[in-house]
C-alpha atoms as a PDB file:
ATOM      1  CA  MET A   1     -39.401  31.206   1.992  1.00  0.00           C
ATOM      2  CA  THR A   2     -42.853  29.934   1.037  1.00  0.00           C
ATOM      3  CA  SER A   3     -43.937  31.158  -2.385  1.00  0.00           C
ATOM      4  CA  LEU A   4     -47.325  32.704  -2.847  1.00  0.00           C
ATOM      5  CA  SER A   5     -49.838  30.627  -4.748  1.00  0.00           C
ATOM      6  CA  PRO A   6     -51.103  31.940  -8.078  1.00  0.00           C
ATOM      7  CA  ALA A   7     -54.500  33.539  -8.452  1.00  0.00           C
ATOM      8  CA  ARG A   8     -57.535  31.465  -9.294  1.00  0.00           C
ATOM      9  CA  ALA A   9     -58.375  30.593 -12.900  1.00  0.00           C
ATOM     10  CA  PHE A  10     -60.222  33.101 -15.018  1.00  0.00           C
ATOM     11  CA  ASP A  11     -63.990  32.945 -14.497  1.00  0.00           C
ATOM     12  CA  TRP A  12     -65.581  33.525 -17.909  1.00  0.00           C
ATOM     13  CA  SER A  13     -69.127  33.049 -16.632  1.00  0.00           C
ATOM     14  CA  ASN A  14     -68.664  35.792 -14.048  1.00  0.00           C
ATOM     15  CA  LEU A  15     -67.283  38.074 -16.733  1.00  0.00           C
ATOM     16  CA  GLY A  16     -70.475  37.609 -18.724  1.00  0.00           C
ATOM     17  CA  VAL A  17     -72.610  38.651 -15.766  1.00  0.00           C
ATOM     18  CA  ARG A  18     -70.368  41.668 -15.182  1.00  0.00           C
ATOM     19  CA  VAL A  19     -70.663  42.754 -18.801  1.00  0.00           C
ATOM     20  CA  ALA A  20     -74.450  42.370 -18.724  1.00  0.00           C
ATOM     21  CA  SER A  21     -74.696  44.476 -15.564  1.00  0.00           C
ATOM     22  CA  ALA A  22     -72.430  47.149 -17.054  1.00  0.00           C
ATOM     23  CA  ALA A  23     -74.506  47.234 -20.252  1.00  0.00           C
ATOM     24  CA  VAL A  24     -77.489  48.325 -18.162  1.00  0.00           C
ATOM     25  CA  LEU A  25     -75.818  50.650 -15.666  1.00  0.00           C
ATOM     26  CA  LEU A  26     -73.227  52.380 -17.848  1.00  0.00           C
ATOM     27  CA  PRO A  27     -75.582  54.133 -20.330  1.00  0.00           C
ATOM     28  CA  ALA A  28     -77.813  55.332 -17.500  1.00  0.00           C
ATOM     29  CA  ALA A  29     -74.865  56.767 -15.577  1.00  0.00           C
ATOM     30  CA  LEU A  30     -73.377  58.486 -18.630  1.00  0.00           C
ATOM     31  CA  ALA A  31     -76.731  59.987 -19.610  1.00  0.00           C
ATOM     32  CA  ALA A  32     -77.247  61.363 -16.106  1.00  0.00           C
ATOM     33  CA  VAL A  33     -73.825  63.039 -16.244  1.00  0.00           C
ATOM     34  CA  TRP A  34     -74.350  64.465 -19.724  1.00  0.00           C
ATOM     35  CA  PHE A  35     -77.571  66.437 -19.302  1.00  0.00           C
ATOM     36  CA  GLU A  36     -77.411  69.920 -17.810  1.00  0.00           C
ATOM     37  CA  MET A  37     -79.660  72.937 -17.299  1.00  0.00           C
ATOM     38  CA  GLY A  38     -76.996  75.480 -18.150  1.00  0.00           C
ATOM     39  CA  PRO A  39     -73.250  76.125 -17.913  1.00  0.00           C
ATOM     40  CA  GLY A  40     -72.028  74.599 -14.680  1.00  0.00           C
ATOM     41  CA  GLN A  41     -75.554  73.579 -13.653  1.00  0.00           C
ATOM     42  CA  PRO A  42     -76.096  69.793 -13.633  1.00  0.00           C
ATOM     43  CA  ALA A  43     -79.627  68.673 -14.472  1.00  0.00           C
ATOM     44  CA  TRP A  44     -81.826  66.763 -12.072  1.00  0.00           C
ATOM     45  CA  PRO A  45     -80.867  63.293 -13.457  1.00  0.00           C
ATOM     46  CA  PHE A  46     -77.320  63.686 -12.132  1.00  0.00           C
ATOM     47  CA  LEU A  47     -78.466  64.838  -8.704  1.00  0.00           C
ATOM     48  CA  LEU A  48     -81.037  62.041  -8.643  1.00  0.00           C
ATOM     49  CA  MET A  49     -78.312  59.521  -9.489  1.00  0.00           C
ATOM     50  CA  VAL A  50     -76.132  60.780  -6.642  1.00  0.00           C
ATOM     51  CA  VAL A  51     -79.020  60.779  -4.151  1.00  0.00           C
ATOM     52  CA  ALA A  52     -80.106  57.280  -5.174  1.00  0.00           C
ATOM     53  CA  ALA A  53     -76.542  55.961  -4.957  1.00  0.00           C
ATOM     54  CA  VAL A  54     -75.998  57.566  -1.551  1.00  0.00           C
ATOM     55  CA  SER A  55     -79.232  56.078  -0.229  1.00  0.00           C
ATOM     56  CA  MET A  56     -78.341  52.565  -1.389  1.00  0.00           C
ATOM     57  CA  LEU A  57     -74.772  52.853  -0.135  1.00  0.00           C
ATOM     58  CA  CYS A  58     -75.984  53.949   3.294  1.00  0.00           C
ATOM     59  CA  VAL A  59     -78.378  51.003   3.493  1.00  0.00           C
ATOM     60  CA  GLU A  60     -75.531  48.637   2.621  1.00  0.00           C
ATOM     61  CA  TRP A  61     -73.240  50.347   5.110  1.00  0.00           C
ATOM     62  CA  GLY A  62     -75.771  49.964   7.911  1.00  0.00           C
ATOM     63  CA  GLY A  63     -76.385  46.328   7.071  1.00  0.00           C
ATOM     64  CA  MET A  64     -72.681  45.565   6.900  1.00  0.00           C
ATOM     65  CA  THR A  65     -71.511  47.441  10.005  1.00  0.00           C
ATOM     66  CA  ALA A  66     -74.558  47.198  12.300  1.00  0.00           C
ATOM     67  CA  PRO A  67     -76.833  44.321  11.178  1.00  0.00           C
ATOM     68  CA  SER A  68     -78.752  44.388  14.469  1.00  0.00           C
ATOM     69  CA  ALA A  69     -79.636  48.069  14.003  1.00  0.00           C
ATOM     70  CA  LYS A  70     -79.496  48.421  10.228  1.00  0.00           C
ATOM     71  CA  ALA A  71     -82.360  50.899   9.861  1.00  0.00           C
ATOM     72  CA  ARG A  72     -81.187  53.238  12.627  1.00  0.00           C
ATOM     73  CA  VAL A  73     -77.561  53.416  11.497  1.00  0.00           C
ATOM     74  CA  SER A  74     -78.429  53.604   7.797  1.00  0.00           C
ATOM     75  CA  THR A  75     -80.875  56.455   8.410  1.00  0.00           C
ATOM     76  CA  ALA A  76     -78.383  58.424  10.512  1.00  0.00           C
ATOM     77  CA  VAL A  77     -75.615  58.063   7.939  1.00  0.00           C
ATOM     78  CA  CYS A  78     -77.934  58.817   5.022  1.00  0.00           C
ATOM     79  CA  ALA A  79     -79.386  61.935   6.649  1.00  0.00           C
ATOM     80  CA  ALA A  80     -75.918  63.376   7.253  1.00  0.00           C
ATOM     81  CA  VAL A  81     -74.633  62.634   3.757  1.00  0.00           C
ATOM     82  CA  LEU A  82     -77.733  63.880   1.934  1.00  0.00           C
ATOM     83  CA  THR A  83     -77.661  67.105   3.940  1.00  0.00           C
ATOM     84  CA  ALA A  84     -74.074  67.640   2.800  1.00  0.00           C
ATOM     85  CA  VAL A  85     -75.102  66.853  -0.780  1.00  0.00           C
ATOM     86  CA  PHE A  86     -77.843  69.493  -0.548  1.00  0.00           C
ATOM     87  CA  PHE A  87     -75.363  72.204   0.458  1.00  0.00           C
ATOM     88  CA  ALA A  88     -72.849  71.049  -2.165  1.00  0.00           C
ATOM     89  CA  GLN A  89     -75.540  71.315  -4.839  1.00  0.00           C
ATOM     90  CA  ARG A  90     -76.238  74.844  -3.604  1.00  0.00           C
ATOM     91  CA  ASP A  91     -72.505  75.595  -4.087  1.00  0.00           C
ATOM     92  CA  ASN A  92     -71.925  75.957  -0.342  1.00  0.00           C
ATOM     93  CA  MET A  93     -68.919  73.645  -0.239  1.00  0.00           C
ATOM     94  CA  PHE A  94     -67.536  74.917   3.055  1.00  0.00           C
ATOM     95  CA  ILE A  95     -70.837  74.180   4.760  1.00  0.00           C
ATOM     96  CA  ALA A  96     -71.070  70.800   3.011  1.00  0.00           C
ATOM     97  CA  TRP A  97     -67.739  69.639   4.431  1.00  0.00           C
ATOM     98  CA  GLY A  98     -68.665  70.993   7.832  1.00  0.00           C
ATOM     99  CA  VAL A  99     -71.936  69.047   7.708  1.00  0.00           C
ATOM    100  CA  LEU A 100     -69.983  65.843   7.078  1.00  0.00           C
ATOM    101  CA  ALA A 101     -67.828  66.455  10.143  1.00  0.00           C
ATOM    102  CA  VAL A 102     -70.759  67.303  12.407  1.00  0.00           C
ATOM    103  CA  GLY A 103     -72.997  64.671  10.838  1.00  0.00           C
ATOM    104  CA  GLY A 104     -70.387  61.996  11.401  1.00  0.00           C
ATOM    105  CA  ALA A 105     -70.201  62.836  15.081  1.00  0.00           C
ATOM    106  CA  LEU A 106     -73.995  62.861  15.411  1.00  0.00           C
ATOM    107  CA  ALA A 107     -74.287  59.535  13.575  1.00  0.00           C
ATOM    108  CA  ALA A 108     -71.845  57.986  16.037  1.00  0.00           C
ATOM    109  CA  VAL A 109     -73.922  59.299  18.951  1.00  0.00           C
ATOM    110  CA  ILE A 110     -77.105  57.893  17.418  1.00  0.00           C
ATOM    111  CA  ALA A 111     -75.418  54.523  16.907  1.00  0.00           C
ATOM    112  CA  ARG A 112     -74.342  54.279  20.545  1.00  0.00           C
ATOM    113  CA  GLY A 113     -76.080  51.483  22.359  1.00  0.00           C
ATOM    114  CA  VAL A 114     -77.213  49.720  19.173  1.00  0.00           C
ATOM    115  CA  SER A 115     -73.849  49.108  17.510  1.00  0.00           C
ATOM    116  CA  GLU A 116     -70.737  47.443  18.863  1.00  0.00           C
ATOM    117  CA  ARG A 117     -68.616  50.128  17.203  1.00  0.00           C
ATOM    118  CA  PRO A 118     -70.612  53.379  16.912  1.00  0.00           C
ATOM    119  CA  GLY A 119     -67.593  55.006  15.316  1.00  0.00           C
ATOM    120  CA  ASN A 120     -68.374  52.985  12.202  1.00  0.00           C
ATOM    121  CA  ALA A 121     -71.393  55.221  11.640  1.00  0.00           C
ATOM    122  CA  ALA A 122     -69.117  58.266  11.570  1.00  0.00           C
ATOM    123  CA  LEU A 123     -66.754  56.423   9.235  1.00  0.00           C
ATOM    124  CA  GLY A 124     -69.667  55.735   6.886  1.00  0.00           C
ATOM    125  CA  VAL A 125     -70.601  59.426   6.770  1.00  0.00           C
ATOM    126  CA  ILE A 126     -67.047  60.434   5.824  1.00  0.00           C
ATOM    127  CA  TYR A 127     -66.466  57.503   3.462  1.00  0.00           C
ATOM    128  CA  ILE A 128     -69.686  57.895   1.482  1.00  0.00           C
ATOM    129  CA  GLY A 129     -70.106  61.636   1.992  1.00  0.00           C
ATOM    130  CA  ALA A 130     -66.668  62.721   0.776  1.00  0.00           C
ATOM    131  CA  ALA A 131     -67.178  60.954  -2.539  1.00  0.00           C
ATOM    132  CA  ALA A 132     -70.725  62.318  -2.940  1.00  0.00           C
ATOM    133  CA  VAL A 133     -69.686  65.919  -2.267  1.00  0.00           C
ATOM    134  CA  CYS A 134     -66.730  65.588  -4.650  1.00  0.00           C
ATOM    135  CA  PHE A 135     -69.026  64.269  -7.379  1.00  0.00           C
ATOM    136  CA  ILE A 136     -71.347  67.270  -6.992  1.00  0.00           C
ATOM    137  CA  TRP A 137     -68.456  69.755  -6.968  1.00  0.00           C
ATOM    138  CA  LEU A 138     -66.596  68.168  -9.881  1.00  0.00           C
ATOM    139  CA  ARG A 139     -69.706  68.112 -12.069  1.00  0.00           C
ATOM    140  CA  SER A 140     -70.461  71.786 -11.319  1.00  0.00           C
ATOM    141  CA  MET A 141     -67.035  72.964 -12.522  1.00  0.00           C
ATOM    142  CA  PRO A 142     -66.378  74.104 -16.115  1.00  0.00           C
ATOM    143  CA  GLN A 143     -66.134  71.019 -18.344  1.00  0.00           C
ATOM    144  CA  GLY A 144     -67.483  69.100 -15.390  1.00  0.00           C
ATOM    145  CA  GLN A 145     -69.080  66.504 -17.648  1.00  0.00           C
ATOM    146  CA  TRP A 146     -65.735  65.547 -19.095  1.00  0.00           C
ATOM    147  CA  TRP A 147     -64.024  65.394 -15.716  1.00  0.00           C
ATOM    148  CA  ILE A 148     -66.727  63.032 -14.493  1.00  0.00           C
ATOM    149  CA  PHE A 149     -66.336  60.970 -17.659  1.00  0.00           C
ATOM    150  CA  MET A 150     -62.598  60.813 -17.000  1.00  0.00           C
ATOM    151  CA  THR A 151     -63.286  59.748 -13.424  1.00  0.00           C
ATOM    152  CA  PHE A 152     -65.480  56.930 -14.691  1.00  0.00           C
ATOM    153  CA  ALA A 153     -62.972  55.976 -17.382  1.00  0.00           C
ATOM    154  CA  ILE A 154     -60.057  55.771 -14.955  1.00  0.00           C
ATOM    155  CA  ALA A 155     -61.972  53.770 -12.370  1.00  0.00           C
ATOM    156  CA  TRP A 156     -63.507  51.367 -14.872  1.00  0.00           C
ATOM    157  CA  ALA A 157     -60.324  50.907 -16.906  1.00  0.00           C
ATOM    158  CA  ALA A 158     -58.274  50.151 -13.801  1.00  0.00           C
ATOM    159  CA  ASP A 159     -60.881  47.738 -12.457  1.00  0.00           C
ATOM    160  CA  ILE A 160     -61.455  45.865 -15.719  1.00  0.00           C
ATOM    161  CA  ALA A 161     -57.762  45.661 -16.649  1.00  0.00           C
ATOM    162  CA  ALA A 162     -56.777  44.521 -13.157  1.00  0.00           C
ATOM    163  CA  TYR A 163     -59.466  41.831 -13.292  1.00  0.00           C
ATOM    164  CA  LEU A 164     -58.538  40.600 -16.787  1.00  0.00           C
ATOM    165  CA  VAL A 165     -54.757  40.812 -16.490  1.00  0.00           C
ATOM    166  CA  GLY A 166     -54.764  39.378 -12.988  1.00  0.00           C
ATOM    167  CA  ASN A 167     -56.821  36.366 -14.016  1.00  0.00           C
ATOM    168  CA  LEU A 168     -55.157  35.784 -17.384  1.00  0.00           C
ATOM    169  CA  VAL A 169     -51.540  36.402 -16.371  1.00  0.00           C
ATOM    170  CA  GLY A 170     -51.730  35.483 -12.689  1.00  0.00           C
ATOM    171  CA  GLY A 171     -48.528  35.511 -10.693  1.00  0.00           C
ATOM    172  CA  PRO A 172     -47.713  36.652  -7.146  1.00  0.00           C
ATOM    173  CA  LYS A 173     -50.597  38.010  -5.133  1.00  0.00           C
ATOM    174  CA  LEU A 174     -50.772  41.662  -4.159  1.00  0.00           C
ATOM    175  CA  TRP A 175     -52.091  41.423  -0.602  1.00  0.00           C
ATOM    176  CA  PRO A 176     -53.305  37.890   0.150  1.00  0.00           C
ATOM    177  CA  ARG A 177     -54.228  38.686   3.739  1.00  0.00           C
ATOM    178  CA  PHE A 178     -57.144  40.903   2.705  1.00  0.00           C
ATOM    179  CA  SER A 179     -57.718  40.194  -0.989  1.00  0.00           C
ATOM    180  CA  PRO A 180     -56.384  36.756  -1.944  1.00  0.00           C
ATOM    181  CA  ASN A 181     -57.258  36.971  -5.656  1.00  0.00           C
ATOM    182  CA  LYS A 182     -55.571  40.261  -6.569  1.00  0.00           C
ATOM    183  CA  THR A 183     -52.161  39.998  -8.222  1.00  0.00           C
ATOM    184  CA  TRP A 184     -49.248  42.291  -8.928  1.00  0.00           C
ATOM    185  CA  SER A 185     -49.771  41.725 -12.651  1.00  0.00           C
ATOM    186  CA  GLY A 186     -53.348  42.949 -12.317  1.00  0.00           C
ATOM    187  CA  PHE A 187     -52.187  45.937 -10.270  1.00  0.00           C
ATOM    188  CA  LEU A 188     -49.707  47.036 -12.943  1.00  0.00           C
ATOM    189  CA  GLY A 189     -52.161  46.336 -15.745  1.00  0.00           C
ATOM    190  CA  GLY A 190     -54.764  48.462 -13.993  1.00  0.00           C
ATOM    191  CA  LEU A 191     -52.379  51.406 -13.618  1.00  0.00           C
ATOM    192  CA  VAL A 192     -51.411  51.332 -17.293  1.00  0.00           C
ATOM    193  CA  ALA A 193     -55.042  51.086 -18.397  1.00  0.00           C
ATOM    194  CA  ALA A 194     -56.086  53.975 -16.138  1.00  0.00           C
ATOM    195  CA  ALA A 195     -53.378  56.249 -17.543  1.00  0.00           C
ATOM    196  CA  LEU A 196     -54.246  55.316 -21.139  1.00  0.00           C
ATOM    197  CA  ALA A 197     -57.945  55.903 -20.549  1.00  0.00           C
ATOM    198  CA  ALA A 198     -57.283  59.404 -19.221  1.00  0.00           C
ATOM    199  CA  VAL A 199     -54.930  60.269 -22.079  1.00  0.00           C
ATOM    200  CA  CYS A 200     -57.422  59.028 -24.684  1.00  0.00           C
ATOM    201  CA  LEU A 201     -60.008  61.510 -23.442  1.00  0.00           C
ATOM    202  CA  THR A 202     -57.602  64.405 -24.079  1.00  0.00           C
ATOM    203  CA  ALA A 203     -57.711  63.520 -27.786  1.00  0.00           C
ATOM    204  CA  LEU A 204     -61.250  64.908 -27.851  1.00  0.00           C
ATOM    205  CA  PRO A 205     -61.116  68.571 -28.936  1.00  0.00           C
ATOM    206  CA  VAL A 206     -63.892  69.475 -26.496  1.00  0.00           C
ATOM    207  CA  PHE A 207     -61.796  68.448 -23.480  1.00  0.00           C
ATOM    208  CA  SER A 208     -58.939  70.858 -22.754  1.00  0.00           C
ATOM    209  CA  LEU A 209     -56.384  69.035 -20.622  1.00  0.00           C
ATOM    210  CA  ASN A 210     -52.671  68.513 -21.151  1.00  0.00           C
ATOM    211  CA  PRO A 211     -52.062  64.825 -22.069  1.00  0.00           C
ATOM    212  CA  TRP A 212     -49.153  64.593 -19.621  1.00  0.00           C
ATOM    213  CA  ALA A 213     -51.327  65.977 -16.862  1.00  0.00           C
ATOM    214  CA  ALA A 214     -54.032  63.503 -17.841  1.00  0.00           C
ATOM    215  CA  ALA A 215     -51.539  60.622 -17.707  1.00  0.00           C
ATOM    216  CA  LEU A 216     -50.485  61.660 -14.210  1.00  0.00           C
ATOM    217  CA  ALA A 217     -54.121  61.994 -13.164  1.00  0.00           C
ATOM    218  CA  GLY A 218     -54.773  58.556 -14.620  1.00  0.00           C
ATOM    219  CA  LEU A 219     -51.899  56.966 -12.748  1.00  0.00           C
ATOM    220  CA  CYS A 220     -52.847  58.588  -9.448  1.00  0.00           C
ATOM    221  CA  GLY A 221     -56.521  57.870 -10.027  1.00  0.00           C
ATOM    222  CA  GLY A 222     -55.795  54.260 -10.932  1.00  0.00           C
ATOM    223  CA  LEU A 223     -53.706  53.865  -7.797  1.00  0.00           C
ATOM    224  CA  ALA A 224     -56.506  55.432  -5.736  1.00  0.00           C
ATOM    225  CA  GLY A 225     -59.096  53.166  -7.337  1.00  0.00           C
ATOM    226  CA  MET A 226     -57.193  50.011  -6.484  1.00  0.00           C
ATOM    227  CA  ALA A 227     -56.516  51.355  -2.994  1.00  0.00           C
ATOM    228  CA  GLY A 228     -60.268  51.842  -2.636  1.00  0.00           C
ATOM    229  CA  ASP A 229     -60.833  48.258  -3.744  1.00  0.00           C
ATOM    230  CA  LEU A 230     -58.356  46.970  -1.155  1.00  0.00           C
ATOM    231  CA  TRP A 231     -59.900  49.240   1.483  1.00  0.00           C
ATOM    232  CA  GLU A 232     -63.301  47.721   0.808  1.00  0.00           C
ATOM    233  CA  SER A 233     -61.786  44.228   1.033  1.00  0.00           C
ATOM    234  CA  MET A 234     -60.352  45.098   4.437  1.00  0.00           C
ATOM    235  CA  LEU A 235     -63.717  46.426   5.587  1.00  0.00           C
ATOM    236  CA  LYS A 236     -65.534  43.282   4.493  1.00  0.00           C
ATOM    237  CA  ARG A 237     -62.944  41.119   6.226  1.00  0.00           C
ATOM    238  CA  ARG A 238     -63.338  43.230   9.369  1.00  0.00           C
ATOM    239  CA  PHE A 239     -67.135  42.909   9.363  1.00  0.00           C
ATOM    240  CA  GLY A 240     -67.142  39.277   8.297  1.00  0.00           C
ATOM    241  CA  VAL A 241     -69.113  39.627   5.059  1.00  0.00           C
ATOM    242  CA  LYS A 242     -68.362  38.375   1.554  1.00  0.00           C
ATOM    243  CA  ASP A 243     -70.188  41.190  -0.259  1.00  0.00           C
ATOM    244  CA  SER A 244     -71.678  44.489   0.870  1.00  0.00           C
ATOM    245  CA  GLY A 245     -74.992  43.398  -0.663  1.00  0.00           C
ATOM    246  CA  ASP A 246     -76.537  41.650  -3.654  1.00  0.00           C
ATOM    247  CA  LEU A 247     -77.897  44.567  -5.668  1.00  0.00           C
ATOM    248  CA  ILE A 248     -75.791  44.109  -8.839  1.00  0.00           C
ATOM    249  CA  PRO A 249     -75.442  40.651 -10.433  1.00  0.00           C
ATOM    250  CA  GLY A 250     -71.804  39.647 -10.763  1.00  0.00           C
ATOM    251  CA  HIS A 251     -70.621  42.424  -8.460  1.00  0.00           C
ATOM    252  CA  GLY A 252     -72.448  41.986  -5.164  1.00  0.00           C
ATOM    253  CA  GLY A 253     -73.614  45.238  -3.621  1.00  0.00           C
ATOM    254  CA  LEU A 254     -73.311  48.763  -4.968  1.00  0.00           C
ATOM    255  CA  LEU A 255     -70.453  49.408  -2.559  1.00  0.00           C
ATOM    256  CA  ASP A 256     -68.594  46.464  -4.105  1.00  0.00           C
ATOM    257  CA  ARG A 257     -69.020  48.121  -7.499  1.00  0.00           C
ATOM    258  CA  VAL A 258     -68.078  51.720  -6.655  1.00  0.00           C
ATOM    259  CA  ASP A 259     -65.461  51.224  -3.928  1.00  0.00           C
ATOM    260  CA  GLY A 260     -62.644  52.243  -6.264  1.00  0.00           C
ATOM    261  CA  LEU A 261     -64.689  54.994  -7.920  1.00  0.00           C
ATOM    262  CA  MET A 262     -65.273  56.643  -4.540  1.00  0.00           C
ATOM    263  CA  PHE A 263     -61.525  57.044  -4.072  1.00  0.00           C
ATOM    264  CA  VAL A 264     -60.894  58.064  -7.682  1.00  0.00           C
ATOM    265  CA  VAL A 265     -63.371  60.963  -7.582  1.00  0.00           C
ATOM    266  CA  VAL A 266     -61.636  62.451  -4.548  1.00  0.00           C
ATOM    267  CA  ILE A 267     -58.237  62.319  -6.273  1.00  0.00           C
ATOM    268  CA  LEU A 268     -59.658  63.706  -9.535  1.00  0.00           C
ATOM    269  CA  SER A 269     -61.295  66.537  -7.590  1.00  0.00           C
ATOM    270  CA  VAL A 270     -57.881  67.481  -6.238  1.00  0.00           C
ATOM    271  CA  PHE A 271     -56.470  67.431  -9.771  1.00  0.00           C
ATOM    272  CA  ARG A 272     -59.407  69.510 -10.999  1.00  0.00           C
ATOM    273  CA  LEU A 273     -58.811  72.091  -8.293  1.00  0.00           C
ATOM    274  CA  VAL A 274     -55.142  72.342  -9.234  1.00  0.00           C
ATOM    275  CA  ASN A 275     -56.093  72.532 -12.918  1.00  0.00           C
ATOM    276  CA  HIS A 276     -58.598  75.275 -12.104  1.00  0.00           C
ATOM    277  CA  LEU A 277     -55.777  77.244 -10.536  1.00  0.00           C
ATOM    278  CA  GLY A 278     -53.812  77.151 -13.785  1.00  0.00           C
ATOM    279  CA  TRP A 279     -51.941  73.839 -13.998  1.00  0.00           C
ATOM    280  CA  GLY A 280     -52.331  71.262 -16.735  1.00  0.00           C
ATOM    281  CA  HIS A 281     -53.222  73.430 -19.753  1.00  0.00           C
END
């Protein structure tokens, strides 16, 4: 049996660019989550952050999946997702999810004739829209700020630990066909870091969540985050691109940066719903 080659050497220069990018983006994101108009009512900075992120993600999605008709596909996907975000912000979640289903179908129809695979437009609506709607819903729940902070913490801890451990420890690769630089050591390191990050937040007296429940949420969220990263790698391989864009130095496009986060927020929304029904206290 042929052994798998170890991962590439640690890239310290790339780490510096990543840290610099995070130093700019992280405070802005946390501030947008923190401010609110009243109990359960996120302030306009959070909604603006979601709308801006959705718009940029849709542009990247159109450019990646339909470069010959980027504007048309991006606009169709963005219109569907932002409509769902509007209803989610108005606390009409049933309508918001329905809009994603209908909007995905309409986006595919619009993409017919200008895209080799019009179904990719529908996939973009669901992929981007599900995460956006979950972000709006999760933030609107009681202690929504802290659940969003935990979502960030899990996604970032898993991503950073997987990157550091994978490059420093190396070892067998996780899935070389789609992501040749990810290792099993990084995968395990990311899971541990995600669980620890979630548990650490429960030490804050303002955040009422059972530490064991938080650890489970961290593990599942960490697993989802790395699955999202692999999913994005598969998409880029399918569409023949190295990065989804070049918006963020050291990370490529915004989709390259939030691919894991988009999966984590869906899983954390499920945990929040279960917690809301009485589990985890």
